[in-house]
C-alpha atoms as a PDB file:
ATOM      1  CA  MET A   1      90.704  70.985 110.211  1.00  0.00           C
ATOM      2  CA  ASP A   2      92.060  70.990 106.667  1.00  0.00           C
ATOM      3  CA  ILE A   3      91.072  72.955 103.581  1.00  0.00           C
ATOM      4  CA  PRO A   4      89.930  70.550 100.853  1.00  0.00           C
ATOM      5  CA  ASP A   5      92.517  70.571  98.060  1.00  0.00           C
ATOM      6  CA  LYS A   6      90.009  71.687  95.431  1.00  0.00           C
ATOM      7  CA  TYR A   7      89.244  74.832  97.492  1.00  0.00           C
ATOM      8  CA  LYS A   8      92.776  75.941  98.423  1.00  0.00           C
ATOM      9  CA  ASP A   9      92.810  78.147  95.335  1.00  0.00           C
ATOM     10  CA  LEU A  10      90.243  80.386  97.051  1.00  0.00           C
ATOM     11  CA  LEU A  11      92.753  81.219  99.776  1.00  0.00           C
ATOM     12  CA  LEU A  12      95.785  81.368  97.509  1.00  0.00           C
ATOM     13  CA  GLY A  13      94.094  83.327  94.717  1.00  0.00           C
ATOM     14  CA  LYS A  14      93.011  86.934  94.416  1.00  0.00           C
ATOM     15  CA  ASN A  15      89.831  86.533  96.477  1.00  0.00           C
ATOM     16  CA  PHE A  16      88.757  88.690  99.395  1.00  0.00           C
ATOM     17  CA  ALA A  17      87.564  87.325 102.725  1.00  0.00           C
ATOM     18  CA  ASN A  18      84.834  88.815 104.869  1.00  0.00           C
ATOM     19  CA  VAL A  19      86.407  88.498 108.312  1.00  0.00           C
ATOM     20  CA  ALA A  20      84.173  88.652 111.376  1.00  0.00           C
ATOM     21  CA  THR A  21      85.526  89.496 114.810  1.00  0.00           C
ATOM     22  CA  ILE A  22      83.768  90.102 118.100  1.00  0.00           C
ATOM     23  CA  ASN A  23      83.675  93.555 119.707  1.00  0.00           C
ATOM     24  CA  PRO A  24      84.150  93.870 123.491  1.00  0.00           C
ATOM     25  CA  ASP A  25      80.380  94.336 123.907  1.00  0.00           C
ATOM     26  CA  GLY A  26      79.755  91.025 122.094  1.00  0.00           C
ATOM     27  CA  SER A  27      78.509  92.554 118.852  1.00  0.00           C
ATOM     28  CA  PRO A  28      79.967  91.352 115.534  1.00  0.00           C
ATOM     29  CA  GLN A  29      82.333  93.394 113.374  1.00  0.00           C
ATOM     30  CA  VAL A  30      82.942  92.370 109.730  1.00  0.00           C
ATOM     31  CA  THR A  31      85.591  93.648 107.336  1.00  0.00           C
ATOM     32  CA  PRO A  32      86.537  92.578 103.796  1.00  0.00           C
ATOM     33  CA  MET A  33      90.238  91.743 103.862  1.00  0.00           C
ATOM     34  CA  TRP A  34      93.111  90.444 101.826  1.00  0.00           C
ATOM     35  CA  ILE A  35      94.065  86.939 102.874  1.00  0.00           C
ATOM     36  CA  ASP A  36      96.883  84.457 102.608  1.00  0.00           C
ATOM     37  CA  PHE A  37      97.223  80.777 103.416  1.00  0.00           C
ATOM     38  CA  ASP A  38     100.235  78.965 104.852  1.00  0.00           C
ATOM     39  CA  GLU A  39      99.894  75.420 103.525  1.00  0.00           C
ATOM     40  CA  GLY A  40     102.740  74.208 105.756  1.00  0.00           C
ATOM     41  CA  THR A  41     101.025  75.220 108.995  1.00  0.00           C
ATOM     42  CA  ASN A  42      97.432  75.098 107.669  1.00  0.00           C
ATOM     43  CA  GLU A  43      96.810  78.654 108.925  1.00  0.00           C
ATOM     44  CA  VAL A  44      94.979  81.569 107.353  1.00  0.00           C
ATOM     45  CA  LEU A  45      96.996  84.777 107.496  1.00  0.00           C
ATOM     46  CA  VAL A  46      95.599  88.294 107.495  1.00  0.00           C
ATOM     47  CA  ASN A  47      97.327  91.625 107.843  1.00  0.00           C
ATOM     48  CA  THR A  48      96.021  94.800 109.419  1.00  0.00           C
ATOM     49  CA  ALA A  49      97.247  98.026 110.949  1.00  0.00           C
ATOM     50  CA  LYS A  50      97.678  98.432 114.675  1.00  0.00           C
ATOM     51  CA  GLY A  51      94.858 100.472 116.221  1.00  0.00           C
ATOM     52  CA  ARG A  52      92.081  99.438 113.840  1.00  0.00           C
ATOM     53  CA  LYS A  53      88.922  97.988 115.378  1.00  0.00           C
ATOM     54  CA  LYS A  54      89.494  94.534 113.896  1.00  0.00           C
ATOM     55  CA  ALA A  55      93.082  94.590 115.166  1.00  0.00           C
ATOM     56  CA  ARG A  56      91.876  95.427 118.672  1.00  0.00           C
ATOM     57  CA  ASN A  57      89.419  92.504 118.433  1.00  0.00           C
ATOM     58  CA  MET A  58      92.060  90.035 117.184  1.00  0.00           C
ATOM     59  CA  THR A  59      93.840  88.974 120.336  1.00  0.00           C
ATOM     60  CA  ILE A  60      95.372  85.567 120.895  1.00  0.00           C
ATOM     61  CA  GLY A  61      92.594  83.055 121.572  1.00  0.00           C
ATOM     62  CA  SER A  62      89.769  85.254 120.279  1.00  0.00           C
ATOM     63  CA  LYS A  63      87.255  83.706 117.897  1.00  0.00           C
ATOM     64  CA  VAL A  64      86.924  84.736 114.256  1.00  0.00           C
ATOM     65  CA  ALA A  65      84.937  83.610 111.247  1.00  0.00           C
ATOM     66  CA  LEU A  66      85.554  84.291 107.600  1.00  0.00           C
ATOM     67  CA  THR A  67      83.953  83.598 104.272  1.00  0.00           C
ATOM     68  CA  VAL A  68      85.956  83.542 101.063  1.00  0.00           C
ATOM     69  CA  LEU A  69      83.914  83.831  97.865  1.00  0.00           C
ATOM     70  CA  ASP A  70      85.290  82.734  94.520  1.00  0.00           C
ATOM     71  CA  SER A  71      85.613  86.012  92.603  1.00  0.00           C
ATOM     72  CA  THR A  72      84.423  84.259  89.428  1.00  0.00           C
ATOM     73  CA  ASN A  73      81.568  82.228  90.973  1.00  0.00           C
ATOM     74  CA  SER A  74      80.049  83.520  94.210  1.00  0.00           C
ATOM     75  CA  TYR A  75      78.210  80.221  94.733  1.00  0.00           C
ATOM     76  CA  ARG A  76      81.622  78.616  95.374  1.00  0.00           C
ATOM     77  CA  TYR A  77      83.039  79.543  98.749  1.00  0.00           C
ATOM     78  CA  LEU A  78      84.791  78.583 101.954  1.00  0.00           C
ATOM     79  CA  ALA A  79      83.327  79.360 105.363  1.00  0.00           C
ATOM     80  CA  ILE A  80      85.830  79.112 108.204  1.00  0.00           C
ATOM     81  CA  GLN A  81      85.542  79.401 111.962  1.00  0.00           C
ATOM     82  CA  GLY A  82      88.757  79.699 113.895  1.00  0.00           C
ATOM     83  CA  GLU A  83      90.725  81.381 116.595  1.00  0.00           C
ATOM     84  CA  ILE A  84      93.665  83.743 116.675  1.00  0.00           C
ATOM     85  CA  LEU A  85      96.947  81.890 117.232  1.00  0.00           C
ATOM     86  CA  ASP A  86      99.331  84.825 116.988  1.00  0.00           C
ATOM     87  CA  VAL A  87      99.429  88.563 116.375  1.00  0.00           C
ATOM     88  CA  THR A  88     102.873  89.959 115.628  1.00  0.00           C
ATOM     89  CA  THR A  89     104.691  92.843 113.997  1.00  0.00           C
ATOM     90  CA  GLU A  90     107.491  90.442 113.046  1.00  0.00           C
ATOM     91  CA  GLY A  91     107.344  89.884 109.292  1.00  0.00           C
ATOM     92  CA  ALA A  92     104.116  91.913 109.019  1.00  0.00           C
ATOM     93  CA  GLU A  93     105.514  94.622 106.758  1.00  0.00           C
ATOM     94  CA  ASP A  94     107.047  92.065 104.376  1.00  0.00           C
ATOM     95  CA  HIS A  95     103.725  90.207 104.403  1.00  0.00           C
ATOM     96  CA  ILE A  96     101.660  93.284 103.438  1.00  0.00           C
ATOM     97  CA  HIS A  97     104.050  93.862 100.524  1.00  0.00           C
ATOM     98  CA  LYS A  98     103.504  90.225  99.463  1.00  0.00           C
ATOM     99  CA  LEU A  99      99.732  90.801  99.573  1.00  0.00           C
ATOM    100  CA  ALA A 100     100.091  94.021  97.545  1.00  0.00           C
ATOM    101  CA  MET A 101     101.802  91.956  94.847  1.00  0.00           C
ATOM    102  CA  LYS A 102      99.059  89.317  94.988  1.00  0.00           C
ATOM    103  CA  TYR A 103      96.131  91.755  94.834  1.00  0.00           C
ATOM    104  CA  PHE A 104      97.547  94.768  92.973  1.00  0.00           C
ATOM    105  CA  GLY A 105     100.642  93.463  91.157  1.00  0.00           C
ATOM    106  CA  ARG A 106     102.722  96.052  93.036  1.00  0.00           C
ATOM    107  CA  GLU A 107     105.954  95.262  94.845  1.00  0.00           C
ATOM    108  CA  LYS A 108     105.234  97.649  97.711  1.00  0.00           C
ATOM    109  CA  TYR A 109     102.199  98.520  99.787  1.00  0.00           C
ATOM    110  CA  THR A 110     102.011 102.213 100.572  1.00  0.00           C
ATOM    111  CA  LEU A 111     102.167 102.507 104.337  1.00  0.00           C
ATOM    112  CA  GLY A 112     100.606 105.476 106.097  1.00  0.00           C
ATOM    113  CA  GLU A 113     102.866 107.685 108.155  1.00  0.00           C
ATOM    114  CA  GLY A 114     103.672 105.877 111.408  1.00  0.00           C
ATOM    115  CA  GLU A 115     101.571 102.860 110.398  1.00  0.00           C
ATOM    116  CA  VAL A 116     102.488  99.653 112.213  1.00  0.00           C
ATOM    117  CA  ARG A 117     101.398  96.457 110.487  1.00  0.00           C
ATOM    118  CA  LEU A 118     100.247  93.308 112.279  1.00  0.00           C
ATOM    119  CA  LEU A 119     100.432  89.785 110.907  1.00  0.00           C
ATOM    120  CA  VAL A 120      97.582  87.678 112.293  1.00  0.00           C
ATOM    121  CA  LYS A 121      97.619  83.877 112.187  1.00  0.00           C
ATOM    122  CA  ILE A 122      94.303  82.033 112.368  1.00  0.00           C
ATOM    123  CA  LYS A 123      93.904  78.405 113.419  1.00  0.00           C
ATOM    124  CA  LEU A 124      91.137  76.592 111.529  1.00  0.00           C
ATOM    125  CA  ASN A 125      88.575  74.977 113.840  1.00  0.00           C
ATOM    126  CA  TYR A 126      85.789  74.396 111.309  1.00  0.00           C
ATOM    127  CA  VAL A 127      85.743  74.536 107.510  1.00  0.00           C
ATOM    128  CA  HIS A 128      82.718  74.344 105.238  1.00  0.00           C
ATOM    129  CA  ALA A 129      83.204  74.339 101.465  1.00  0.00           C
ATOM    130  CA  SER A 130      80.476  74.734  98.881  1.00  0.00           C
ATOM    131  CA  GLY A 131      80.122  75.005  95.136  1.00  0.00           C
END
């Protein structure tokens, strides 16, 4: 599944995604998150800290859904259903610094003491664009 060209800006711009994961008991868990998009692999990238509920829910093969609203027009959005392709610490700290620059204009993200970052890659199975 591909992101329509005229909606890629939602993933590449300073927009938040509401990311839904599934808890072990089957109930949904939703978190607003910073996002990134790898145009070369057509994957959505998110970054979280090890130990958080969403991180525990994001295992390889697990299902996720996310909605990205245009921060200037909430009637324009992307709705994505996908699955986790990879969860790794490799490159995760550099990636959170990249996101800090994107969202805050800061070169570094302030990590908590002992915080271990995870880079999560999401395969797109279904994309709906509107607005």
